[in-house]
PDB file of N, CA and C in Angstrom:
ATOM      1  N   MET A   1      28.111  -0.355  17.002  1.00  0.00           N
ATOM      2  CA  MET A   1      27.683   0.140  15.717  1.00  0.00           C
ATOM      3  C   MET A   1      26.318   0.799  15.884  1.00  0.00           C
ATOM      4  N   GLU A   2      26.177   1.990  15.344  1.00  0.00           N
ATOM      5  CA  GLU A   2      24.938   2.743  15.470  1.00  0.00           C
ATOM      6  C   GLU A   2      24.086   2.564  14.211  1.00  0.00           C
ATOM      7  N   LEU A   3      22.806   2.339  14.406  1.00  0.00           N
ATOM      8  CA  LEU A   3      21.877   2.197  13.300  1.00  0.00           C
ATOM      9  C   LEU A   3      21.580   3.579  12.737  1.00  0.00           C
ATOM     10  N   THR A   4      21.884   3.769  11.453  1.00  0.00           N
ATOM     11  CA  THR A   4      21.640   5.063  10.832  1.00  0.00           C
ATOM     12  C   THR A   4      20.481   5.025   9.850  1.00  0.00           C
ATOM     13  N   LYS A   5      20.231   3.846   9.293  1.00  0.00           N
ATOM     14  CA  LYS A   5      19.172   3.722   8.299  1.00  0.00           C
ATOM     15  C   LYS A   5      18.710   2.273   8.279  1.00  0.00           C
ATOM     16  N   GLU A   6      17.438   2.077   7.997  1.00  0.00           N
ATOM     17  CA  GLU A   6      16.893   0.726   7.944  1.00  0.00           C
ATOM     18  C   GLU A   6      16.056   0.583   6.686  1.00  0.00           C
ATOM     19  N   ARG A   7      16.258  -0.540   5.964  1.00  0.00           N
ATOM     20  CA  ARG A   7      15.440  -0.847   4.799  1.00  0.00           C
ATOM     21  C   ARG A   7      15.513  -2.340   4.536  1.00  0.00           C
ATOM     22  N   ALA A   8      14.506  -2.854   3.868  1.00  0.00           N
ATOM     23  CA  ALA A   8      14.469  -4.274   3.528  1.00  0.00           C
ATOM     24  C   ALA A   8      15.406  -4.524   2.355  1.00  0.00           C
ATOM     25  N   VAL A   9      16.166  -5.612   2.437  1.00  0.00           N
ATOM     26  CA  VAL A   9      17.057  -5.994   1.342  1.00  0.00           C
ATOM     27  C   VAL A   9      16.831  -7.463   1.006  1.00  0.00           C
ATOM     28  N   SER A  10      17.109  -7.800  -0.239  1.00  0.00           N
ATOM     29  CA  SER A  10      16.977  -9.188  -0.681  1.00  0.00           C
ATOM     30  C   SER A  10      18.170 -10.001  -0.184  1.00  0.00           C
ATOM     31  N   ALA A  11      18.037 -11.317  -0.254  1.00  0.00           N
ATOM     32  CA  ALA A  11      19.135 -12.196   0.168  1.00  0.00           C
ATOM     33  C   ALA A  11      20.405 -11.951  -0.643  1.00  0.00           C
ATOM     34  N   PRO A  12      20.335 -11.796  -1.978  1.00  0.00           N
ATOM     35  CA  PRO A  12      21.570 -11.522  -2.718  1.00  0.00           C
ATOM     36  C   PRO A  12      22.249 -10.219  -2.280  1.00  0.00           C
ATOM     37  N   GLU A  13      21.450  -9.181  -2.004  1.00  0.00           N
ATOM     38  CA  GLU A  13      22.031  -7.917  -1.557  1.00  0.00           C
ATOM     39  C   GLU A  13      22.623  -8.054  -0.153  1.00  0.00           C
ATOM     40  N   ALA A  14      21.940  -8.786   0.717  1.00  0.00           N
ATOM     41  CA  ALA A  14      22.462  -9.018   2.068  1.00  0.00           C
ATOM     42  C   ALA A  14      23.780  -9.791   2.005  1.00  0.00           C
ATOM     43  N   LEU A  15      23.865 -10.754   1.093  1.00  0.00           N
ATOM     44  CA  LEU A  15      25.105 -11.520   0.920  1.00  0.00           C
ATOM     45  C   LEU A  15      26.234 -10.599   0.490  1.00  0.00           C
ATOM     46  N   LYS A  16      25.955  -9.699  -0.426  1.00  0.00           N
ATOM     47  CA  LYS A  16      26.972  -8.744  -0.887  1.00  0.00           C
ATOM     48  C   LYS A  16      27.457  -7.877   0.281  1.00  0.00           C
ATOM     49  N   ILE A  17      26.520  -7.417   1.108  1.00  0.00           N
ATOM     50  CA  ILE A  17      26.871  -6.589   2.267  1.00  0.00           C
ATOM     51  C   ILE A  17      27.752  -7.372   3.236  1.00  0.00           C
ATOM     52  N   MET A  18      27.363  -8.616   3.511  1.00  0.00           N
ATOM     53  CA  MET A  18      28.133  -9.427   4.461  1.00  0.00           C
ATOM     54  C   MET A  18      29.526  -9.770   3.916  1.00  0.00           C
ATOM     55  N   GLU A  19      29.632 -10.035   2.627  1.00  0.00           N
ATOM     56  CA  GLU A  19      30.949 -10.314   2.035  1.00  0.00           C
ATOM     57  C   GLU A  19      31.849  -9.088   2.121  1.00  0.00           C
ATOM     58  N   LYS A  20      31.280  -7.904   1.931  1.00  0.00           N
ATOM     59  CA  LYS A  20      32.064  -6.670   2.057  1.00  0.00           C
ATOM     60  C   LYS A  20      32.535  -6.486   3.498  1.00  0.00           C
ATOM     61  N   ARG A  21      31.641  -6.747   4.445  1.00  0.00           N
ATOM     62  CA  ARG A  21      32.025  -6.617   5.853  1.00  0.00           C
ATOM     63  C   ARG A  21      33.128  -7.618   6.225  1.00  0.00           C
ATOM     64  N   GLN A  22      33.062  -8.809   5.628  1.00  0.00           N
ATOM     65  CA  GLN A  22      34.081  -9.821   5.908  1.00  0.00           C
ATOM     66  C   GLN A  22      35.449  -9.350   5.404  1.00  0.00           C
ATOM     67  N   LYS A  23      35.464  -8.695   4.256  1.00  0.00           N
ATOM     68  CA  LYS A  23      36.724  -8.178   3.712  1.00  0.00           C
ATOM     69  C   LYS A  23      37.269  -7.047   4.569  1.00  0.00           C
ATOM     70  N   ASP A  24      36.367  -6.260   5.173  1.00  0.00           N
ATOM     71  CA  ASP A  24      36.775  -5.117   5.985  1.00  0.00           C
ATOM     72  C   ASP A  24      37.322  -5.522   7.351  1.00  0.00           C
ATOM     73  N   GLY A  25      36.964  -6.705   7.825  1.00  0.00           N
ATOM     74  CA  GLY A  25      37.436  -7.143   9.134  1.00  0.00           C
ATOM     75  C   GLY A  25      36.765  -8.428   9.546  1.00  0.00           C
ATOM     76  N   GLU A  26      37.154  -8.916  10.705  1.00  0.00           N
ATOM     77  CA  GLU A  26      36.606 -10.173  11.203  1.00  0.00           C
ATOM     78  C   GLU A  26      35.136 -10.014  11.581  1.00  0.00           C
ATOM     79  N   LEU A  27      34.356 -11.026  11.223  1.00  0.00           N
ATOM     80  CA  LEU A  27      32.930 -11.011  11.535  1.00  0.00           C
ATOM     81  C   LEU A  27      32.688 -11.606  12.914  1.00  0.00           C
ATOM     82  N   SER A  28      31.638 -11.119  13.557  1.00  0.00           N
ATOM     83  CA  SER A  28      31.239 -11.710  14.836  1.00  0.00           C
ATOM     84  C   SER A  28      30.640 -13.094  14.558  1.00  0.00           C
ATOM     85  N   TYR A  29      30.383 -13.835  15.604  1.00  0.00           N
ATOM     86  CA  TYR A  29      29.799 -15.172  15.470  1.00  0.00           C
ATOM     87  C   TYR A  29      28.471 -15.111  14.718  1.00  0.00           C
ATOM     88  N   GLU A  30      27.613 -14.177  15.108  1.00  0.00           N
ATOM     89  CA  GLU A  30      26.299 -14.043  14.466  1.00  0.00           C
ATOM     90  C   GLU A  30      26.425 -13.636  13.007  1.00  0.00           C
ATOM     91  N   GLN A  31      27.344 -12.719  12.723  1.00  0.00           N
ATOM     92  CA  GLN A  31      27.555 -12.282  11.349  1.00  0.00           C
ATOM     93  C   GLN A  31      28.087 -13.426  10.488  1.00  0.00           C
ATOM     94  N   GLN A  32      28.984 -14.225  11.035  1.00  0.00           N
ATOM     95  CA  GLN A  32      29.519 -15.362  10.292  1.00  0.00           C
ATOM     96  C   GLN A  32      28.420 -16.380   9.991  1.00  0.00           C
ATOM     97  N   ASN A  33      27.542 -16.622  10.971  1.00  0.00           N
ATOM     98  CA  ASN A  33      26.404 -17.522  10.750  1.00  0.00           C
ATOM     99  C   ASN A  33      25.481 -16.977   9.662  1.00  0.00           C
ATOM    100  N   THR A  34      25.255 -15.683   9.693  1.00  0.00           N
ATOM    101  CA  THR A  34      24.416 -15.047   8.668  1.00  0.00           C
ATOM    102  C   THR A  34      25.044 -15.196   7.292  1.00  0.00           C
ATOM    103  N   LEU A  35      26.330 -14.958   7.197  1.00  0.00           N
ATOM    104  CA  LEU A  35      27.043 -15.094   5.921  1.00  0.00           C
ATOM    105  C   LEU A  35      26.951 -16.526   5.406  1.00  0.00           C
ATOM    106  N   THR A  36      27.167 -17.490   6.254  1.00  0.00           N
ATOM    107  CA  THR A  36      27.080 -18.900   5.860  1.00  0.00           C
ATOM    108  C   THR A  36      25.676 -19.244   5.372  1.00  0.00           C
ATOM    109  N   HIS A  37      24.675 -18.779   6.086  1.00  0.00           N
ATOM    110  CA  HIS A  37      23.290 -19.033   5.689  1.00  0.00           C
ATOM    111  C   HIS A  37      22.986 -18.397   4.326  1.00  0.00           C
ATOM    112  N   LEU A  38      23.402 -17.164   4.134  1.00  0.00           N
ATOM    113  CA  LEU A  38      23.144 -16.469   2.874  1.00  0.00           C
ATOM    114  C   LEU A  38      23.870 -17.134   1.706  1.00  0.00           C
ATOM    115  N   GLU A  39      25.062 -17.619   1.936  1.00  0.00           N
ATOM    116  CA  GLU A  39      25.802 -18.313   0.877  1.00  0.00           C
ATOM    117  C   GLU A  39      25.054 -19.556   0.409  1.00  0.00           C
ATOM    118  N   LYS A  40      24.352 -20.189   1.333  1.00  0.00           N
ATOM    119  CA  LYS A  40      23.602 -21.406   0.997  1.00  0.00           C
ATOM    120  C   LYS A  40      22.242 -21.113   0.388  1.00  0.00           C
ATOM    121  N   THR A  41      21.643 -19.980   0.730  1.00  0.00           N
ATOM    122  CA  THR A  41      20.251 -19.753   0.346  1.00  0.00           C
ATOM    123  C   THR A  41      20.025 -18.694  -0.727  1.00  0.00           C
ATOM    124  N   ALA A  42      20.966 -17.806  -0.955  1.00  0.00           N
ATOM    125  CA  ALA A  42      20.771 -16.784  -1.998  1.00  0.00           C
ATOM    126  C   ALA A  42      20.688 -17.493  -3.345  1.00  0.00           C
ATOM    127  N   LYS A  43      19.605 -17.257  -4.064  1.00  0.00           N
ATOM    128  CA  LYS A  43      19.317 -18.027  -5.266  1.00  0.00           C
ATOM    129  C   LYS A  43      19.867 -17.416  -6.546  1.00  0.00           C
ATOM    130  N   MET A  44      20.421 -16.204  -6.466  1.00  0.00           N
ATOM    131  CA  MET A  44      20.951 -15.572  -7.667  1.00  0.00           C
ATOM    132  C   MET A  44      22.016 -14.554  -7.280  1.00  0.00           C
ATOM    133  N   PRO A  45      22.915 -14.239  -8.223  1.00  0.00           N
ATOM    134  CA  PRO A  45      23.913 -13.203  -7.936  1.00  0.00           C
ATOM    135  C   PRO A  45      23.273 -11.813  -7.863  1.00  0.00           C
ATOM    136  N   VAL A  46      23.975 -10.884  -7.250  1.00  0.00           N
ATOM    137  CA  VAL A  46      23.465  -9.528  -7.063  1.00  0.00           C
ATOM    138  C   VAL A  46      23.148  -8.871  -8.407  1.00  0.00           C
ATOM    139  N   LYS A  47      23.976  -9.096  -9.398  1.00  0.00           N
ATOM    140  CA  LYS A  47      23.763  -8.495 -10.720  1.00  0.00           C
ATOM    141  C   LYS A  47      22.397  -8.900 -11.281  1.00  0.00           C
ATOM    142  N   ASP A  48      22.064 -10.186 -11.185  1.00  0.00           N
ATOM    143  CA  ASP A  48      20.761 -10.663 -11.659  1.00  0.00           C
ATOM    144  C   ASP A  48      19.629 -10.137 -10.795  1.00  0.00           C
ATOM    145  N   ALA A  49      19.870 -10.022  -9.491  1.00  0.00           N
ATOM    146  CA  ALA A  49      18.849  -9.486  -8.582  1.00  0.00           C
ATOM    147  C   ALA A  49      18.573  -8.021  -8.910  1.00  0.00           C
ATOM    148  N   ASP A  50      19.620  -7.273  -9.247  1.00  0.00           N
ATOM    149  CA  ASP A  50      19.436  -5.871  -9.620  1.00  0.00           C
ATOM    150  C   ASP A  50      18.626  -5.760 -10.909  1.00  0.00           C
ATOM    151  N   ALA A  51      18.898  -6.650 -11.857  1.00  0.00           N
ATOM    152  CA  ALA A  51      18.145  -6.646 -13.121  1.00  0.00           C
ATOM    153  C   ALA A  51      16.674  -6.981 -12.866  1.00  0.00           C
ATOM    154  N   LEU A  52      16.420  -7.937 -11.989  1.00  0.00           N
ATOM    155  CA  LEU A  52      15.042  -8.297 -11.651  1.00  0.00           C
ATOM    156  C   LEU A  52      14.349  -7.127 -10.959  1.00  0.00           C
ATOM    157  N   GLU A  53      15.049  -6.458 -10.075  1.00  0.00           N
ATOM    158  CA  GLU A  53      14.456  -5.302  -9.389  1.00  0.00           C
ATOM    159  C   GLU A  53      14.065  -4.222 -10.394  1.00  0.00           C
ATOM    160  N   LYS A  54      14.924  -3.967 -11.368  1.00  0.00           N
ATOM    161  CA  LYS A  54      14.594  -2.977 -12.393  1.00  0.00           C
ATOM    162  C   LYS A  54      13.379  -3.415 -13.197  1.00  0.00           C
ATOM    163  N   ALA A  55      13.301  -4.698 -13.531  1.00  0.00           N
ATOM    164  CA  ALA A  55      12.151  -5.203 -14.286  1.00  0.00           C
ATOM    165  C   ALA A  55      10.864  -5.062 -13.472  1.00  0.00           C
ATOM    166  N   LEU A  56      10.929  -5.374 -12.190  1.00  0.00           N
ATOM    167  CA  LEU A  56       9.747  -5.262 -11.334  1.00  0.00           C
ATOM    168  C   LEU A  56       9.352  -3.801 -11.116  1.00  0.00           C
ATOM    169  N   THR A  57      10.332  -2.925 -11.028  1.00  0.00           N
ATOM    170  CA  THR A  57      10.060  -1.506 -10.850  1.00  0.00           C
ATOM    171  C   THR A  57       9.362  -0.934 -12.087  1.00  0.00           C
ATOM    172  N   GLY A  58       9.691  -1.477 -13.254  1.00  0.00           N
ATOM    173  CA  GLY A  58       9.094  -1.014 -14.490  1.00  0.00           C
ATOM    174  C   GLY A  58       7.642  -1.416 -14.678  1.00  0.00           C
ATOM    175  N   LEU A  59       7.158  -2.313 -13.855  1.00  0.00           N
ATOM    176  CA  LEU A  59       5.760  -2.732 -13.945  1.00  0.00           C
ATOM    177  C   LEU A  59       4.860  -1.681 -13.307  1.00  0.00           C
ATOM    178  N   ASP A  60       3.615  -1.635 -13.741  1.00  0.00           N
ATOM    179  CA  ASP A  60       2.660  -0.673 -13.202  1.00  0.00           C
ATOM    180  C   ASP A  60       2.063  -1.214 -11.902  1.00  0.00           C
ATOM    181  N   LEU A  61       2.931  -1.360 -10.896  1.00  0.00           N
ATOM    182  CA  LEU A  61       2.527  -1.916  -9.615  1.00  0.00           C
ATOM    183  C   LEU A  61       3.404  -1.290  -8.539  1.00  0.00           C
ATOM    184  N   LYS A  62       2.801  -0.698  -7.551  1.00  0.00           N
ATOM    185  CA  LYS A  62       3.574  -0.036  -6.495  1.00  0.00           C
ATOM    186  C   LYS A  62       3.981  -1.072  -5.451  1.00  0.00           C
ATOM    187  N   LEU A  63       5.254  -1.478  -5.523  1.00  0.00           N
ATOM    188  CA  LEU A  63       5.778  -2.464  -4.578  1.00  0.00           C
ATOM    189  C   LEU A  63       6.598  -1.763  -3.510  1.00  0.00           C
ATOM    190  N   SER A  64       6.434  -2.174  -2.269  1.00  0.00           N
ATOM    191  CA  SER A  64       7.256  -1.640  -1.180  1.00  0.00           C
ATOM    192  C   SER A  64       8.641  -2.289  -1.243  1.00  0.00           C
ATOM    193  N   ASP A  65       9.577  -1.725  -0.500  1.00  0.00           N
ATOM    194  CA  ASP A  65      10.918  -2.319  -0.428  1.00  0.00           C
ATOM    195  C   ASP A  65      10.846  -3.750   0.094  1.00  0.00           C
ATOM    196  N   LYS A  66       9.977  -3.960   1.065  1.00  0.00           N
ATOM    197  CA  LYS A  66       9.828  -5.287   1.661  1.00  0.00           C
ATOM    198  C   LYS A  66       9.298  -6.290   0.633  1.00  0.00           C
ATOM    199  N   GLN A  67       8.282  -5.897  -0.118  1.00  0.00           N
ATOM    200  CA  GLN A  67       7.726  -6.787  -1.140  1.00  0.00           C
ATOM    201  C   GLN A  67       8.767  -7.081  -2.222  1.00  0.00           C
ATOM    202  N   MET A  68       9.489  -6.051  -2.638  1.00  0.00           N
ATOM    203  CA  MET A  68      10.524  -6.222  -3.655  1.00  0.00           C
ATOM    204  C   MET A  68      11.583  -7.209  -3.157  1.00  0.00           C
ATOM    205  N   ALA A  69      12.029  -7.038  -1.934  1.00  0.00           N
ATOM    206  CA  ALA A  69      13.043  -7.933  -1.364  1.00  0.00           C
ATOM    207  C   ALA A  69      12.524  -9.360  -1.280  1.00  0.00           C
ATOM    208  N   MET A  70      11.276  -9.519  -0.899  1.00  0.00           N
ATOM    209  CA  MET A  70      10.707 -10.868  -0.796  1.00  0.00           C
ATOM    210  C   MET A  70      10.583 -11.527  -2.161  1.00  0.00           C
ATOM    211  N   LEU A  71      10.158 -10.775  -3.166  1.00  0.00           N
ATOM    212  CA  LEU A  71      10.039 -11.335  -4.510  1.00  0.00           C
ATOM    213  C   LEU A  71      11.404 -11.791  -5.033  1.00  0.00           C
ATOM    214  N   ILE A  72      12.438 -10.990  -4.783  1.00  0.00           N
ATOM    215  CA  ILE A  72      13.776 -11.328  -5.260  1.00  0.00           C
ATOM    216  C   ILE A  72      14.378 -12.474  -4.457  1.00  0.00           C
ATOM    217  N   THR A  73      14.131 -12.502  -3.170  1.00  0.00           N
ATOM    218  CA  THR A  73      14.682 -13.551  -2.319  1.00  0.00           C
ATOM    219  C   THR A  73      13.996 -14.892  -2.548  1.00  0.00           C
ATOM    220  N   LEU A  74      12.669 -14.874  -2.609  1.00  0.00           N
ATOM    221  CA  LEU A  74      11.905 -16.122  -2.682  1.00  0.00           C
ATOM    222  C   LEU A  74      11.725 -16.643  -4.100  1.00  0.00           C
ATOM    223  N   LEU A  75      11.787 -15.745  -5.092  1.00  0.00           N
ATOM    224  CA  LEU A  75      11.555 -16.128  -6.494  1.00  0.00           C
ATOM    225  C   LEU A  75      10.318 -17.017  -6.612  1.00  0.00           C
ATOM    226  N   PRO A  76       9.140 -16.437  -6.368  1.00  0.00           N
ATOM    227  CA  PRO A  76       7.905 -17.229  -6.386  1.00  0.00           C
ATOM    228  C   PRO A  76       7.705 -17.940  -7.717  1.00  0.00           C
ATOM    229  N   LYS A  77       7.130 -19.132  -7.638  1.00  0.00           N
ATOM    230  CA  LYS A  77       6.996 -19.980  -8.815  1.00  0.00           C
ATOM    231  C   LYS A  77       5.596 -19.963  -9.422  1.00  0.00           C
ATOM    232  N   ASN A  78       4.631 -19.366  -8.717  1.00  0.00           N
ATOM    233  CA  ASN A  78       3.281 -19.309  -9.276  1.00  0.00           C
ATOM    234  C   ASN A  78       2.556 -18.062  -8.771  1.00  0.00           C
ATOM    235  N   ALA A  79       1.392 -17.819  -9.366  1.00  0.00           N
ATOM    236  CA  ALA A  79       0.616 -16.619  -9.055  1.00  0.00           C
ATOM    237  C   ALA A  79       0.166 -16.576  -7.599  1.00  0.00           C
ATOM    238  N   ASP A  80      -0.152 -17.718  -7.023  1.00  0.00           N
ATOM    239  CA  ASP A  80      -0.597 -17.745  -5.625  1.00  0.00           C
ATOM    240  C   ASP A  80       0.497 -17.250  -4.686  1.00  0.00           C
ATOM    241  N   GLU A  81       1.735 -17.653  -4.938  1.00  0.00           N
ATOM    242  CA  GLU A  81       2.843 -17.202  -4.101  1.00  0.00           C
ATOM    243  C   GLU A  81       3.038 -15.692  -4.226  1.00  0.00           C
ATOM    244  N   ILE A  82       2.890 -15.178  -5.432  1.00  0.00           N
ATOM    245  CA  ILE A  82       3.017 -13.731  -5.640  1.00  0.00           C
ATOM    246  C   ILE A  82       1.899 -12.997  -4.903  1.00  0.00           C
ATOM    247  N   ARG A  83       0.696 -13.493  -5.010  1.00  0.00           N
ATOM    248  CA  ARG A  83      -0.435 -12.854  -4.325  1.00  0.00           C
ATOM    249  C   ARG A  83      -0.248 -12.855  -2.802  1.00  0.00           C
ATOM    250  N   GLN A  84       0.354 -13.906  -2.259  1.00  0.00           N
ATOM    251  CA  GLN A  84       0.615 -13.956  -0.819  1.00  0.00           C
ATOM    252  C   GLN A  84       1.609 -12.874  -0.411  1.00  0.00           C
ATOM    253  N   ILE A  85       2.635 -12.681  -1.216  1.00  0.00           N
ATOM    254  CA  ILE A  85       3.625 -11.635  -0.918  1.00  0.00           C
ATOM    255  C   ILE A  85       2.977 -10.258  -0.993  1.00  0.00           C
ATOM    256  N   LEU A  86       2.178 -10.035  -2.024  1.00  0.00           N
ATOM    257  CA  LEU A  86       1.519  -8.740  -2.190  1.00  0.00           C
ATOM    258  C   LEU A  86       0.468  -8.496  -1.110  1.00  0.00           C
ATOM    259  N   ALA A  87      -0.191  -9.540  -0.655  1.00  0.00           N
ATOM    260  CA  ALA A  87      -1.252  -9.404   0.342  1.00  0.00           C
ATOM    261  C   ALA A  87      -0.719  -8.975   1.708  1.00  0.00           C
ATOM    262  N   GLN A  88       0.547  -9.224   1.980  1.00  0.00           N
ATOM    263  CA  GLN A  88       1.095  -8.868   3.289  1.00  0.00           C
ATOM    264  C   GLN A  88       1.009  -7.366   3.552  1.00  0.00           C
ATOM    265  N   GLU A  89       1.050  -6.580   2.483  1.00  0.00           N
ATOM    266  CA  GLU A  89       0.916  -5.134   2.654  1.00  0.00           C
ATOM    267  C   GLU A  89      -0.306  -4.609   1.915  1.00  0.00           C
ATOM    268  N   LYS A  90      -1.254  -5.517   1.717  1.00  0.00           N
ATOM    269  CA  LYS A  90      -2.547  -5.180   1.118  1.00  0.00           C
ATOM    270  C   LYS A  90      -2.419  -4.474  -0.229  1.00  0.00           C
ATOM    271  N   THR A  91      -1.532  -4.972  -1.075  1.00  0.00           N
ATOM    272  CA  THR A  91      -1.373  -4.445  -2.425  1.00  0.00           C
ATOM    273  C   THR A  91      -2.305  -5.205  -3.355  1.00  0.00           C
ATOM    274  N   ASP A  92      -3.182  -4.486  -4.019  1.00  0.00           N
ATOM    275  CA  ASP A  92      -4.086  -5.112  -4.979  1.00  0.00           C
ATOM    276  C   ASP A  92      -3.387  -5.207  -6.325  1.00  0.00           C
ATOM    277  N   ALA A  93      -3.535  -6.348  -6.970  1.00  0.00           N
ATOM    278  CA  ALA A  93      -2.929  -6.548  -8.278  1.00  0.00           C
ATOM    279  C   ALA A  93      -3.910  -7.289  -9.171  1.00  0.00           C
ATOM    280  N   THR A  94      -3.978  -6.867 -10.410  1.00  0.00           N
ATOM    281  CA  THR A  94      -4.820  -7.555 -11.377  1.00  0.00           C
ATOM    282  C   THR A  94      -4.134  -8.852 -11.799  1.00  0.00           C
ATOM    283  N   ASP A  95      -4.889  -9.706 -12.446  1.00  0.00           N
ATOM    284  CA  ASP A  95      -4.305 -10.949 -12.944  1.00  0.00           C
ATOM    285  C   ASP A  95      -3.162 -10.662 -13.920  1.00  0.00           C
ATOM    286  N   GLU A  96      -3.309  -9.618 -14.728  1.00  0.00           N
ATOM    287  CA  GLU A  96      -2.265  -9.257 -15.689  1.00  0.00           C
ATOM    288  C   GLU A  96      -0.994  -8.796 -14.974  1.00  0.00           C
ATOM    289  N   GLN A  97      -1.143  -8.033 -13.901  1.00  0.00           N
ATOM    290  CA  GLN A  97       0.017  -7.571 -13.141  1.00  0.00           C
ATOM    291  C   GLN A  97       0.730  -8.742 -12.466  1.00  0.00           C
ATOM    292  N   VAL A  98      -0.027  -9.656 -11.902  1.00  0.00           N
ATOM    293  CA  VAL A  98       0.563 -10.840 -11.273  1.00  0.00           C
ATOM    294  C   VAL A  98       1.306 -11.666 -12.319  1.00  0.00           C
ATOM    295  N   LYS A  99       0.702 -11.821 -13.492  1.00  0.00           N
ATOM    296  CA  LYS A  99       1.360 -12.568 -14.568  1.00  0.00           C
ATOM    297  C   LYS A  99       2.645 -11.865 -15.002  1.00  0.00           C
ATOM    298  N   ALA A 100       2.626 -10.538 -15.068  1.00  0.00           N
ATOM    299  CA  ALA A 100       3.823  -9.780 -15.434  1.00  0.00           C
ATOM    300  C   ALA A 100       4.937  -9.971 -14.401  1.00  0.00           C
ATOM    301  N   VAL A 101       4.577  -9.977 -13.121  1.00  0.00           N
ATOM    302  CA  VAL A 101       5.566 -10.231 -12.059  1.00  0.00           C
ATOM    303  C   VAL A 101       6.118 -11.641 -12.213  1.00  0.00           C
ATOM    304  N   LEU A 102       5.254 -12.614 -12.425  1.00  0.00           N
ATOM    305  CA  LEU A 102       5.685 -13.997 -12.589  1.00  0.00           C
ATOM    306  C   LEU A 102       6.606 -14.147 -13.795  1.00  0.00           C
ATOM    307  N   ASP A 103       6.281 -13.495 -14.895  1.00  0.00           N
ATOM    308  CA  ASP A 103       7.129 -13.553 -16.085  1.00  0.00           C
ATOM    309  C   ASP A 103       8.496 -12.923 -15.825  1.00  0.00           C
ATOM    310  N   ALA A 104       8.520 -11.808 -15.096  1.00  0.00           N
ATOM    311  CA  ALA A 104       9.789 -11.148 -14.764  1.00  0.00           C
ATOM    312  C   ALA A 104      10.658 -12.053 -13.891  1.00  0.00           C
ATOM    313  N   VAL A 105      10.031 -12.702 -12.918  1.00  0.00           N
ATOM    314  CA  VAL A 105      10.767 -13.599 -12.021  1.00  0.00           C
ATOM    315  C   VAL A 105      11.316 -14.787 -12.800  1.00  0.00           C
ATOM    316  N   LYS A 106      10.485 -15.364 -13.646  1.00  0.00           N
ATOM    317  CA  LYS A 106      10.922 -16.537 -14.435  1.00  0.00           C
ATOM    318  C   LYS A 106      12.049 -16.170 -15.379  1.00  0.00           C
ATOM    319  N   SER A 107      11.991 -15.013 -15.993  1.00  0.00           N
ATOM    320  CA  SER A 107      13.039 -14.625 -16.943  1.00  0.00           C
ATOM    321  C   SER A 107      14.361 -14.315 -16.232  1.00  0.00           C
ATOM    322  N   ALA A 108      14.292 -13.979 -14.948  1.00  0.00           N
ATOM    323  CA  ALA A 108      15.508 -13.681 -14.191  1.00  0.00           C
ATOM    324  C   ALA A 108      16.252 -14.927 -13.735  1.00  0.00           C
ATOM    325  N   GLN A 109      15.572 -16.061 -13.745  1.00  0.00           N
ATOM    326  CA  GLN A 109      16.196 -17.278 -13.239  1.00  0.00           C
ATOM    327  C   GLN A 109      17.067 -17.942 -14.265  1.00  0.00           C
TER     328      GLN A 109
END
């Protein structure tokens, strides 16, 4: 398989991709392990993850694909966790922006 494109995806989106691949044919050992892990750890369905992504995109905060995927996958429970995710790519956020992200995450759960 040739790599044509690379981007960060959330756990719910990765689960959807792996389930589609499973329907298309037999998974390799590593792919099956990944699917099993995602089934256990994905915290929300893809539909809810898509809604959360739209809510986060609507905020006045420039989030990278990686940050967006981490927020959706980890569903941070407090402002400190959000700040840690944002700090990985040196994104500055005001207290109001962090609170808005936290409110969006909480409403998605």
